[in-house]
ModelCIF file with pLDDT and N, C-alpha, C, O atoms, coordinates in Angstrom:
data_MODEL
#
_entry.id   MODEL 
#
_entity.id                         1 
_entity.type                       polymer 
_entity.pdbx_number_of_molecules   1 
#
_entity_poly.entity_id                      1 
_entity_poly.type                           'polypeptide(L)' 
_entity_poly.nstd_linkage                   no 
_entity_poly.nstd_monomer                   no 
_entity_poly.pdbx_seq_one_letter_code       
;(UNK)(UNK)(UNK)(UNK)(UNK)(UNK)(UNK)(UNK)(UNK)(UNK)(UNK)(UNK)(UNK)(UNK)(UNK)(UNK)
(UNK)(UNK)(UNK)(UNK)(UNK)(UNK)(UNK)(UNK)(UNK)(UNK)(UNK)(UNK)(UNK)(UNK)(UNK)(UNK)
;
_entity_poly.pdbx_seq_one_letter_code_can   XXXXXXXXXXXXXXXXXXXXXXXXXXXXXXXX 
_entity_poly.pdbx_strand_id                 A 
#
loop_
_entity_poly_seq.entity_id 
_entity_poly_seq.num 
_entity_poly_seq.mon_id 
_entity_poly_seq.hetero 
1 1  UNK n 
1 2  UNK n 
1 3  UNK n 
1 4  UNK n 
1 5  UNK n 
1 6  UNK n 
1 7  UNK n 
1 8  UNK n 
1 9  UNK n 
1 10 UNK n 
1 11 UNK n 
1 12 UNK n 
1 13 UNK n 
1 14 UNK n 
1 15 UNK n 
1 16 UNK n 
1 17 UNK n 
1 18 UNK n 
1 19 UNK n 
1 20 UNK n 
1 21 UNK n 
1 22 UNK n 
1 23 UNK n 
1 24 UNK n 
1 25 UNK n 
1 26 UNK n 
1 27 UNK n 
1 28 UNK n 
1 29 UNK n 
1 30 UNK n 
1 31 UNK n 
1 32 UNK n 
#
_struct_asym.id          A 
_struct_asym.entity_id   1 
#
loop_
_ma_qa_metric.id 
_ma_qa_metric.mode 
_ma_qa_metric.name 
_ma_qa_metric.software_group_id 
_ma_qa_metric.type 
1 global pLDDT . pLDDT 
2 local  pLDDT . pLDDT 
#
_ma_qa_metric_global.metric_id      1 
_ma_qa_metric_global.metric_value   94.28 
_ma_qa_metric_global.model_id       1 
_ma_qa_metric_global.ordinal_id     1 
#
loop_
_ma_qa_metric_local.label_asym_id 
_ma_qa_metric_local.label_comp_id 
_ma_qa_metric_local.label_seq_id 
_ma_qa_metric_local.metric_id 
_ma_qa_metric_local.metric_value 
_ma_qa_metric_local.model_id 
_ma_qa_metric_local.ordinal_id 
A UNK 1  2 92.00 1 1  
A UNK 2  2 93.00 1 2  
A UNK 3  2 96.00 1 3  
A UNK 4  2 96.00 1 4  
A UNK 5  2 96.00 1 5  
A UNK 6  2 96.00 1 6  
A UNK 7  2 96.00 1 7  
A UNK 8  2 97.00 1 8  
A UNK 9  2 97.00 1 9  
A UNK 10 2 97.00 1 10 
A UNK 11 2 97.00 1 11 
A UNK 12 2 97.00 1 12 
A UNK 13 2 97.00 1 13 
A UNK 14 2 97.00 1 14 
A UNK 15 2 97.00 1 15 
A UNK 16 2 97.00 1 16 
A UNK 17 2 97.00 1 17 
A UNK 18 2 98.00 1 18 
A UNK 19 2 98.00 1 19 
A UNK 20 2 98.00 1 20 
A UNK 21 2 98.00 1 21 
A UNK 22 2 98.00 1 22 
A UNK 23 2 96.00 1 23 
A UNK 24 2 95.00 1 24 
A UNK 25 2 94.00 1 25 
A UNK 26 2 92.00 1 26 
A UNK 27 2 90.00 1 27 
A UNK 28 2 91.00 1 28 
A UNK 29 2 88.00 1 29 
A UNK 30 2 82.00 1 30 
A UNK 31 2 85.00 1 31 
A UNK 32 2 79.00 1 32 
#
loop_
_atom_site.group_PDB 
_atom_site.id 
_atom_site.type_symbol 
_atom_site.label_atom_id 
_atom_site.label_alt_id 
_atom_site.label_comp_id 
_atom_site.label_asym_id 
_atom_site.label_entity_id 
_atom_site.label_seq_id 
_atom_site.pdbx_PDB_ins_code 
_atom_site.Cartn_x 
_atom_site.Cartn_y 
_atom_site.Cartn_z 
_atom_site.occupancy 
_atom_site.B_iso_or_equiv 
_atom_site.pdbx_formal_charge 
_atom_site.auth_seq_id 
_atom_site.auth_comp_id 
_atom_site.auth_asym_id 
_atom_site.auth_atom_id 
_atom_site.pdbx_PDB_model_num 
ATOM 1   N N  . UNK A 1 1  ? 2.493   197.995 59.291 1.00 92.00 ? 1  UNK A N  1 
ATOM 2   C CA . UNK A 1 1  ? 2.365   197.828 60.678 1.00 92.00 ? 1  UNK A CA 1 
ATOM 3   C C  . UNK A 1 1  ? 3.838   198.574 61.218 1.00 92.00 ? 1  UNK A C  1 
ATOM 4   O O  . UNK A 1 1  ? 4.849   198.688 60.524 1.00 92.00 ? 1  UNK A O  1 
ATOM 5   N N  . UNK A 1 2  ? 3.666   199.078 62.739 1.00 93.00 ? 2  UNK A N  1 
ATOM 6   C CA . UNK A 1 2  ? 4.779   199.800 63.090 1.00 93.00 ? 2  UNK A CA 1 
ATOM 7   C C  . UNK A 1 2  ? 4.414   201.211 62.942 1.00 93.00 ? 2  UNK A C  1 
ATOM 8   O O  . UNK A 1 2  ? 3.236   201.538 62.794 1.00 93.00 ? 2  UNK A O  1 
ATOM 9   N N  . UNK A 1 3  ? 5.366   202.058 62.974 1.00 96.00 ? 3  UNK A N  1 
ATOM 10  C CA . UNK A 1 3  ? 5.299   203.625 62.911 1.00 96.00 ? 3  UNK A CA 1 
ATOM 11  C C  . UNK A 1 3  ? 5.050   204.312 61.602 1.00 96.00 ? 3  UNK A C  1 
ATOM 12  O O  . UNK A 1 3  ? 5.705   204.094 60.583 1.00 96.00 ? 3  UNK A O  1 
ATOM 13  N N  . UNK A 1 4  ? 3.842   205.340 61.725 1.00 96.00 ? 4  UNK A N  1 
ATOM 14  C CA . UNK A 1 4  ? 3.676   205.709 60.528 1.00 96.00 ? 4  UNK A CA 1 
ATOM 15  C C  . UNK A 1 4  ? 2.846   206.790 60.601 1.00 96.00 ? 4  UNK A C  1 
ATOM 16  O O  . UNK A 1 4  ? 1.864   206.552 61.302 1.00 96.00 ? 4  UNK A O  1 
ATOM 17  N N  . UNK A 1 5  ? 2.882   208.287 59.972 1.00 96.00 ? 5  UNK A N  1 
ATOM 18  C CA . UNK A 1 5  ? 1.942   209.370 60.101 1.00 96.00 ? 5  UNK A CA 1 
ATOM 19  C C  . UNK A 1 5  ? 0.609   209.104 59.762 1.00 96.00 ? 5  UNK A C  1 
ATOM 20  O O  . UNK A 1 5  ? 0.168   208.238 59.006 1.00 96.00 ? 5  UNK A O  1 
ATOM 21  N N  . UNK A 1 6  ? -0.170  210.237 60.631 1.00 96.00 ? 6  UNK A N  1 
ATOM 22  C CA . UNK A 1 6  ? -1.552  210.242 59.818 1.00 96.00 ? 6  UNK A CA 1 
ATOM 23  C C  . UNK A 1 6  ? -1.607  210.654 58.305 1.00 96.00 ? 6  UNK A C  1 
ATOM 24  O O  . UNK A 1 6  ? -2.469  210.105 57.619 1.00 96.00 ? 6  UNK A O  1 
ATOM 25  N N  . UNK A 1 7  ? -0.618  211.731 57.615 1.00 96.00 ? 7  UNK A N  1 
ATOM 26  C CA . UNK A 1 7  ? -0.547  211.880 56.705 1.00 96.00 ? 7  UNK A CA 1 
ATOM 27  C C  . UNK A 1 7  ? -0.570  211.021 55.617 1.00 96.00 ? 7  UNK A C  1 
ATOM 28  O O  . UNK A 1 7  ? -0.489  211.403 54.449 1.00 96.00 ? 7  UNK A O  1 
ATOM 29  N N  . UNK A 1 8  ? -0.675  209.912 55.960 1.00 97.00 ? 8  UNK A N  1 
ATOM 30  C CA . UNK A 1 8  ? -0.541  208.802 54.928 1.00 97.00 ? 8  UNK A CA 1 
ATOM 31  C C  . UNK A 1 8  ? -2.234  208.724 54.480 1.00 97.00 ? 8  UNK A C  1 
ATOM 32  O O  . UNK A 1 8  ? -2.753  208.851 53.371 1.00 97.00 ? 8  UNK A O  1 
ATOM 33  N N  . UNK A 1 9  ? -2.734  208.508 55.594 1.00 97.00 ? 9  UNK A N  1 
ATOM 34  C CA . UNK A 1 9  ? -4.487  208.636 55.402 1.00 97.00 ? 9  UNK A CA 1 
ATOM 35  C C  . UNK A 1 9  ? -4.856  209.967 54.988 1.00 97.00 ? 9  UNK A C  1 
ATOM 36  O O  . UNK A 1 9  ? -5.442  210.055 53.908 1.00 97.00 ? 9  UNK A O  1 
ATOM 37  N N  . UNK A 1 10 ? -4.652  210.897 55.565 1.00 97.00 ? 10 UNK A N  1 
ATOM 38  C CA . UNK A 1 10 ? -4.959  212.528 54.985 1.00 97.00 ? 10 UNK A CA 1 
ATOM 39  C C  . UNK A 1 10 ? -4.452  212.551 53.180 1.00 97.00 ? 10 UNK A C  1 
ATOM 40  O O  . UNK A 1 10 ? -4.710  213.567 52.536 1.00 97.00 ? 10 UNK A O  1 
ATOM 41  N N  . UNK A 1 11 ? -3.966  211.745 52.714 1.00 97.00 ? 11 UNK A N  1 
ATOM 42  C CA . UNK A 1 11 ? -3.410  211.922 51.285 1.00 97.00 ? 11 UNK A CA 1 
ATOM 43  C C  . UNK A 1 11 ? -4.529  210.777 50.762 1.00 97.00 ? 11 UNK A C  1 
ATOM 44  O O  . UNK A 1 11 ? -5.543  211.121 50.154 1.00 97.00 ? 11 UNK A O  1 
ATOM 45  N N  . UNK A 1 12 ? -4.303  209.754 50.988 1.00 97.00 ? 12 UNK A N  1 
ATOM 46  C CA . UNK A 1 12 ? -5.371  208.888 50.515 1.00 97.00 ? 12 UNK A CA 1 
ATOM 47  C C  . UNK A 1 12 ? -6.674  209.436 50.571 1.00 97.00 ? 12 UNK A C  1 
ATOM 48  O O  . UNK A 1 12 ? -7.352  209.206 49.569 1.00 97.00 ? 12 UNK A O  1 
ATOM 49  N N  . UNK A 1 13 ? -7.268  210.169 51.564 1.00 97.00 ? 13 UNK A N  1 
ATOM 50  C CA . UNK A 1 13 ? -8.464  210.773 51.624 1.00 97.00 ? 13 UNK A CA 1 
ATOM 51  C C  . UNK A 1 13 ? -8.635  211.878 50.744 1.00 97.00 ? 13 UNK A C  1 
ATOM 52  O O  . UNK A 1 13 ? -9.785  212.172 50.416 1.00 97.00 ? 13 UNK A O  1 
ATOM 53  N N  . UNK A 1 14 ? -7.638  212.563 50.292 1.00 97.00 ? 14 UNK A N  1 
ATOM 54  C CA . UNK A 1 14 ? -7.393  213.715 49.361 1.00 97.00 ? 14 UNK A CA 1 
ATOM 55  C C  . UNK A 1 14 ? -7.349  212.853 47.932 1.00 97.00 ? 14 UNK A C  1 
ATOM 56  O O  . UNK A 1 14 ? -7.961  213.318 46.970 1.00 97.00 ? 14 UNK A O  1 
ATOM 57  N N  . UNK A 1 15 ? -6.992  212.236 47.865 1.00 97.00 ? 15 UNK A N  1 
ATOM 58  C CA . UNK A 1 15 ? -7.013  211.336 46.190 1.00 97.00 ? 15 UNK A CA 1 
ATOM 59  C C  . UNK A 1 15 ? -8.442  210.853 46.078 1.00 97.00 ? 15 UNK A C  1 
ATOM 60  O O  . UNK A 1 15 ? -8.793  210.803 44.899 1.00 97.00 ? 15 UNK A O  1 
ATOM 61  N N  . UNK A 1 16 ? -9.440  210.457 46.999 1.00 97.00 ? 16 UNK A N  1 
ATOM 62  C CA . UNK A 1 16 ? -10.495 210.119 46.873 1.00 97.00 ? 16 UNK A CA 1 
ATOM 63  C C  . UNK A 1 16 ? -11.590 211.160 47.048 1.00 97.00 ? 16 UNK A C  1 
ATOM 64  O O  . UNK A 1 16 ? -12.794 210.938 46.919 1.00 97.00 ? 16 UNK A O  1 
ATOM 65  N N  . UNK A 1 17 ? -11.055 212.269 47.344 1.00 97.00 ? 17 UNK A N  1 
ATOM 66  C CA . UNK A 1 17 ? -11.888 213.169 47.012 1.00 97.00 ? 17 UNK A CA 1 
ATOM 67  C C  . UNK A 1 17 ? -12.630 213.149 48.574 1.00 97.00 ? 17 UNK A C  1 
ATOM 68  O O  . UNK A 1 17 ? -13.521 213.920 48.933 1.00 97.00 ? 17 UNK A O  1 
ATOM 69  N N  . UNK A 1 18 ? -12.158 212.313 49.202 1.00 98.00 ? 18 UNK A N  1 
ATOM 70  C CA . UNK A 1 18 ? -13.060 212.729 50.883 1.00 98.00 ? 18 UNK A CA 1 
ATOM 71  C C  . UNK A 1 18 ? -12.422 212.942 52.537 1.00 98.00 ? 18 UNK A C  1 
ATOM 72  O O  . UNK A 1 18 ? -12.593 212.454 53.654 1.00 98.00 ? 18 UNK A O  1 
ATOM 73  N N  . UNK A 1 19 ? -11.397 214.248 51.715 1.00 98.00 ? 19 UNK A N  1 
ATOM 74  C CA . UNK A 1 19 ? -11.094 214.446 52.916 1.00 98.00 ? 19 UNK A CA 1 
ATOM 75  C C  . UNK A 1 19 ? -11.472 215.929 53.381 1.00 98.00 ? 19 UNK A C  1 
ATOM 76  O O  . UNK A 1 19 ? -10.830 216.837 52.852 1.00 98.00 ? 19 UNK A O  1 
ATOM 77  N N  . UNK A 1 20 ? -12.355 216.228 54.227 1.00 98.00 ? 20 UNK A N  1 
ATOM 78  C CA . UNK A 1 20 ? -13.054 217.865 54.319 1.00 98.00 ? 20 UNK A CA 1 
ATOM 79  C C  . UNK A 1 20 ? -12.449 218.344 55.584 1.00 98.00 ? 20 UNK A C  1 
ATOM 80  O O  . UNK A 1 20 ? -11.767 217.735 56.408 1.00 98.00 ? 20 UNK A O  1 
ATOM 81  N N  . UNK A 1 21 ? -12.878 219.647 55.548 1.00 98.00 ? 21 UNK A N  1 
ATOM 82  C CA . UNK A 1 21 ? -12.478 220.264 56.371 1.00 98.00 ? 21 UNK A CA 1 
ATOM 83  C C  . UNK A 1 21 ? -13.572 221.226 57.189 1.00 98.00 ? 21 UNK A C  1 
ATOM 84  O O  . UNK A 1 21 ? -14.413 221.575 56.359 1.00 98.00 ? 21 UNK A O  1 
ATOM 85  N N  . UNK A 1 22 ? -13.791 221.625 58.119 1.00 98.00 ? 22 UNK A N  1 
ATOM 86  C CA . UNK A 1 22 ? -14.328 222.623 59.123 1.00 98.00 ? 22 UNK A CA 1 
ATOM 87  C C  . UNK A 1 22 ? -13.498 223.800 59.411 1.00 98.00 ? 22 UNK A C  1 
ATOM 88  O O  . UNK A 1 22 ? -12.313 223.676 59.720 1.00 98.00 ? 22 UNK A O  1 
ATOM 89  N N  . UNK A 1 23 ? -14.176 225.114 59.305 1.00 96.00 ? 23 UNK A N  1 
ATOM 90  C CA . UNK A 1 23 ? -13.403 226.200 60.093 1.00 96.00 ? 23 UNK A CA 1 
ATOM 91  C C  . UNK A 1 23 ? -13.560 226.283 61.447 1.00 96.00 ? 23 UNK A C  1 
ATOM 92  O O  . UNK A 1 23 ? -14.693 226.177 61.916 1.00 96.00 ? 23 UNK A O  1 
ATOM 93  N N  . UNK A 1 24 ? -12.548 226.466 62.202 1.00 95.00 ? 24 UNK A N  1 
ATOM 94  C CA . UNK A 1 24 ? -12.313 226.971 63.775 1.00 95.00 ? 24 UNK A CA 1 
ATOM 95  C C  . UNK A 1 24 ? -13.252 228.167 63.735 1.00 95.00 ? 24 UNK A C  1 
ATOM 96  O O  . UNK A 1 24 ? -13.230 229.098 62.931 1.00 95.00 ? 24 UNK A O  1 
ATOM 97  N N  . UNK A 1 25 ? -14.292 227.915 65.013 1.00 94.00 ? 25 UNK A N  1 
ATOM 98  C CA . UNK A 1 25 ? -14.668 229.230 65.511 1.00 94.00 ? 25 UNK A CA 1 
ATOM 99  C C  . UNK A 1 25 ? -14.029 229.708 66.287 1.00 94.00 ? 25 UNK A C  1 
ATOM 100 O O  . UNK A 1 25 ? -13.958 228.888 67.202 1.00 94.00 ? 25 UNK A O  1 
ATOM 101 N N  . UNK A 1 26 ? -13.450 230.610 66.544 1.00 92.00 ? 26 UNK A N  1 
ATOM 102 C CA . UNK A 1 26 ? -12.324 230.962 67.733 1.00 92.00 ? 26 UNK A CA 1 
ATOM 103 C C  . UNK A 1 26 ? -11.127 231.704 67.251 1.00 92.00 ? 26 UNK A C  1 
ATOM 104 O O  . UNK A 1 26 ? -11.143 232.459 66.279 1.00 92.00 ? 26 UNK A O  1 
ATOM 105 N N  . UNK A 1 27 ? -9.736  231.355 68.238 1.00 90.00 ? 27 UNK A N  1 
ATOM 106 C CA . UNK A 1 27 ? -8.555  231.495 67.890 1.00 90.00 ? 27 UNK A CA 1 
ATOM 107 C C  . UNK A 1 27 ? -7.773  230.160 68.200 1.00 90.00 ? 27 UNK A C  1 
ATOM 108 O O  . UNK A 1 27 ? -7.929  229.376 69.136 1.00 90.00 ? 27 UNK A O  1 
ATOM 109 N N  . UNK A 1 28 ? -7.021  230.133 67.302 1.00 91.00 ? 28 UNK A N  1 
ATOM 110 C CA . UNK A 1 28 ? -6.112  228.585 67.618 1.00 91.00 ? 28 UNK A CA 1 
ATOM 111 C C  . UNK A 1 28 ? -4.629  228.946 67.878 1.00 91.00 ? 28 UNK A C  1 
ATOM 112 O O  . UNK A 1 28 ? -3.991  229.685 67.127 1.00 91.00 ? 28 UNK A O  1 
ATOM 113 N N  . UNK A 1 29 ? -4.195  228.451 68.844 1.00 88.00 ? 29 UNK A N  1 
ATOM 114 C CA . UNK A 1 29 ? -2.580  228.520 69.721 1.00 88.00 ? 29 UNK A CA 1 
ATOM 115 C C  . UNK A 1 29 ? -2.343  226.904 69.058 1.00 88.00 ? 29 UNK A C  1 
ATOM 116 O O  . UNK A 1 29 ? -2.981  225.860 69.196 1.00 88.00 ? 29 UNK A O  1 
ATOM 117 N N  . UNK A 1 30 ? -0.927  227.312 68.172 1.00 82.00 ? 30 UNK A N  1 
ATOM 118 C CA . UNK A 1 30 ? 0.135   225.895 68.615 1.00 82.00 ? 30 UNK A CA 1 
ATOM 119 C C  . UNK A 1 30 ? 1.130   226.249 69.111 1.00 82.00 ? 30 UNK A C  1 
ATOM 120 O O  . UNK A 1 30 ? 1.969   227.048 68.696 1.00 82.00 ? 30 UNK A O  1 
ATOM 121 N N  . UNK A 1 31 ? 1.057   225.280 70.652 1.00 85.00 ? 31 UNK A N  1 
ATOM 122 C CA . UNK A 1 31 ? 2.039   225.401 71.418 1.00 85.00 ? 31 UNK A CA 1 
ATOM 123 C C  . UNK A 1 31 ? 3.186   224.064 71.029 1.00 85.00 ? 31 UNK A C  1 
ATOM 124 O O  . UNK A 1 31 ? 3.031   222.879 71.325 1.00 85.00 ? 31 UNK A O  1 
ATOM 125 N N  . UNK A 1 32 ? 4.247   224.629 70.348 1.00 79.00 ? 32 UNK A N  1 
ATOM 126 C CA . UNK A 1 32 ? 5.044   223.750 70.362 1.00 79.00 ? 32 UNK A CA 1 
ATOM 127 C C  . UNK A 1 32 ? 6.387   224.346 70.675 1.00 79.00 ? 32 UNK A C  1 
ATOM 128 O O  . UNK A 1 32 ? 7.382   223.625 70.744 1.00 79.00 ? 32 UNK A O  1 
#
């Protein structure tokens, strides 16, 4: 409950072998 990061769910999906990726078609810009 309350604040937590999506990384928690990413790590759980990795442990289950169920985190997948798709390579971006184009060029990414991180505006931070």
